[in-house]
Amino acid sequence: MLSEKRQSDLYWSEAEALRQTASDGFAAVQIAHLRYEHALEIVEDGALGAEAILAVRRQGHEYAEAVTRYSNAAMAWLAFMETIK
């Protein structure tokens, strides 16, 4: 059986990892959002070529993936926080 100190260290190590993952996920969402907005601006400026449209789609997919990763990380963090007594 792990000592109480070691259990506490593992608990807080897990907490820090989950919090950091959520924080990193939020930053990734912000970056993906900016990239998506930039791709949209190019199309709005009249670049309606196939490459511009593909860039918007690609950035849209990356944005959606970043939102999903962040959502999962945030929910894991919040669920962990519910275990604190």
C-alpha atoms as a PDB file:
ATOM      1  CA  MET A   1       0.000   0.000   0.000  1.00  0.00           C
ATOM      2  CA  LEU A   2       1.268   3.441  -0.886  1.00  0.00           C
ATOM      3  CA  SER A   3       2.067   5.810   1.899  1.00  0.00           C
ATOM      4  CA  GLU A   4      -0.301   8.726   2.378  1.00  0.00           C
ATOM      5  CA  LYS A   5       2.386  11.197   1.203  1.00  0.00           C
ATOM      6  CA  ARG A   6       3.035   9.209  -1.979  1.00  0.00           C
ATOM      7  CA  GLN A   7      -0.698   8.938  -2.708  1.00  0.00           C
ATOM      8  CA  SER A   8      -1.041  12.681  -2.247  1.00  0.00           C
ATOM      9  CA  ASP A   9       1.907  13.328  -4.574  1.00  0.00           C
ATOM     10  CA  LEU A  10       0.380  11.076  -7.245  1.00  0.00           C
ATOM     11  CA  TYR A  11      -2.986  12.777  -6.825  1.00  0.00           C
ATOM     12  CA  TRP A  12      -1.547  16.262  -7.310  1.00  0.00           C
ATOM     13  CA  SER A  13       0.679  15.082 -10.134  1.00  0.00           C
ATOM     14  CA  GLU A  14      -2.422  13.810 -11.933  1.00  0.00           C
ATOM     15  CA  ALA A  15      -4.243  17.053 -11.142  1.00  0.00           C
ATOM     16  CA  GLU A  16      -1.423  19.138 -12.612  1.00  0.00           C
ATOM     17  CA  ALA A  17      -1.257  16.975 -15.750  1.00  0.00           C
ATOM     18  CA  LEU A  18      -5.010  17.279 -16.313  1.00  0.00           C
ATOM     19  CA  ARG A  19      -4.978  21.020 -15.707  1.00  0.00           C
ATOM     20  CA  GLN A  20      -2.042  21.507 -18.063  1.00  0.00           C
ATOM     21  CA  THR A  21      -3.719  19.439 -20.765  1.00  0.00           C
ATOM     22  CA  ALA A  22      -6.866  21.565 -20.491  1.00  0.00           C
ATOM     23  CA  SER A  23      -4.806  24.767 -20.575  1.00  0.00           C
ATOM     24  CA  ASP A  24      -2.834  23.583 -23.613  1.00  0.00           C
ATOM     25  CA  GLY A  25      -6.094  22.572 -25.283  1.00  0.00           C
ATOM     26  CA  PHE A  26      -7.535  26.036 -24.770  1.00  0.00           C
ATOM     27  CA  ALA A  27      -4.443  27.621 -26.334  1.00  0.00           C
ATOM     28  CA  ALA A  28      -4.729  25.224 -29.289  1.00  0.00           C
ATOM     29  CA  VAL A  29      -8.379  26.249 -29.789  1.00  0.00           C
ATOM     30  CA  GLN A  30      -7.391  29.911 -29.849  1.00  0.00           C
ATOM     31  CA  ILE A  31      -4.670  29.280 -32.433  1.00  0.00           C
ATOM     32  CA  ALA A  32      -6.968  27.102 -34.561  1.00  0.00           C
ATOM     33  CA  HIS A  33      -9.646  29.792 -34.404  1.00  0.00           C
ATOM     34  CA  LEU A  34      -7.232  32.459 -35.611  1.00  0.00           C
ATOM     35  CA  ARG A  35      -6.036  30.232 -38.466  1.00  0.00           C
ATOM     36  CA  TYR A  36      -9.616  29.522 -39.485  1.00  0.00           C
ATOM     37  CA  GLU A  37     -10.493  33.218 -39.397  1.00  0.00           C
ATOM     38  CA  HIS A  38      -7.444  33.986 -41.528  1.00  0.00           C
ATOM     39  CA  ALA A  39      -8.467  31.378 -44.110  1.00  0.00           C
ATOM     40  CA  LEU A  40     -11.974  32.878 -44.195  1.00  0.00           C
ATOM     41  CA  GLU A  41     -10.573  36.373 -44.683  1.00  0.00           C
ATOM     42  CA  ILE A  42      -8.633  35.220 -47.739  1.00  0.00           C
ATOM     43  CA  VAL A  43     -11.824  33.849 -49.286  1.00  0.00           C
ATOM     44  CA  GLU A  44     -13.766  36.986 -48.342  1.00  0.00           C
ATOM     45  CA  ASP A  45     -11.104  39.072 -50.073  1.00  0.00           C
ATOM     46  CA  GLY A  46     -12.026  37.382 -53.329  1.00  0.00           C
ATOM     47  CA  ALA A  47      -9.723  34.357 -53.454  1.00  0.00           C
ATOM     48  CA  LEU A  48     -12.355  31.814 -54.453  1.00  0.00           C
ATOM     49  CA  GLY A  49      -9.956  29.357 -56.028  1.00  0.00           C
ATOM     50  CA  ALA A  50      -9.868  25.689 -55.167  1.00  0.00           C
ATOM     51  CA  GLU A  51      -6.810  26.155 -52.936  1.00  0.00           C
ATOM     52  CA  ALA A  52      -8.516  28.857 -50.867  1.00  0.00           C
ATOM     53  CA  ILE A  53     -11.652  26.765 -50.428  1.00  0.00           C
ATOM     54  CA  LEU A  54      -9.589  23.714 -49.447  1.00  0.00           C
ATOM     55  CA  ALA A  55      -7.660  25.843 -46.936  1.00  0.00           C
ATOM     56  CA  VAL A  56     -10.925  26.957 -45.300  1.00  0.00           C
ATOM     57  CA  ARG A  57     -12.117  23.359 -45.094  1.00  0.00           C
ATOM     58  CA  ARG A  58      -8.787  22.128 -43.733  1.00  0.00           C
ATOM     59  CA  GLN A  59      -8.655  24.898 -41.135  1.00  0.00           C
ATOM     60  CA  GLY A  60     -12.280  24.198 -40.244  1.00  0.00           C
ATOM     61  CA  HIS A  61     -11.464  20.541 -39.605  1.00  0.00           C
ATOM     62  CA  GLU A  62      -8.425  21.481 -37.529  1.00  0.00           C
ATOM     63  CA  TYR A  63     -10.533  23.952 -35.552  1.00  0.00           C
ATOM     64  CA  ALA A  64     -13.179  21.304 -34.887  1.00  0.00           C
ATOM     65  CA  GLU A  65     -10.535  18.796 -33.779  1.00  0.00           C
ATOM     66  CA  ALA A  66      -8.975  21.356 -31.428  1.00  0.00           C
ATOM     67  CA  VAL A  67     -12.381  22.148 -29.911  1.00  0.00           C
ATOM     68  CA  THR A  68     -13.056  18.436 -29.381  1.00  0.00           C
ATOM     69  CA  ARG A  69      -9.646  17.853 -27.744  1.00  0.00           C
ATOM     70  CA  TYR A  70     -10.139  20.882 -25.503  1.00  0.00           C
ATOM     71  CA  SER A  71     -13.662  19.831 -24.563  1.00  0.00           C
ATOM     72  CA  ASN A  72     -12.461  16.351 -23.605  1.00  0.00           C
ATOM     73  CA  ALA A  73      -9.546  17.753 -21.602  1.00  0.00           C
ATOM     74  CA  ALA A  74     -11.729  20.317 -19.838  1.00  0.00           C
ATOM     75  CA  MET A  75     -14.307  17.668 -18.935  1.00  0.00           C
ATOM     76  CA  ALA A  76     -11.573  15.374 -17.576  1.00  0.00           C
ATOM     77  CA  TRP A  77     -10.213  18.238 -15.473  1.00  0.00           C
ATOM     78  CA  LEU A  78     -13.660  19.204 -14.176  1.00  0.00           C
ATOM     79  CA  ALA A  79     -14.531  15.584 -13.377  1.00  0.00           C
ATOM     80  CA  PHE A  80     -11.257  15.258 -11.478  1.00  0.00           C
ATOM     81  CA  MET A  81     -12.048  18.426  -9.515  1.00  0.00           C
ATOM     82  CA  GLU A  82     -15.342  16.850  -8.437  1.00  0.00           C
ATOM     83  CA  THR A  83     -13.356  14.127  -6.656  1.00  0.00           C
ATOM     84  CA  ILE A  84     -11.750  16.601  -4.255  1.00  0.00           C
ATOM     85  CA  LYS A  85     -13.227  16.293  -0.808  1.00  0.00           C
END
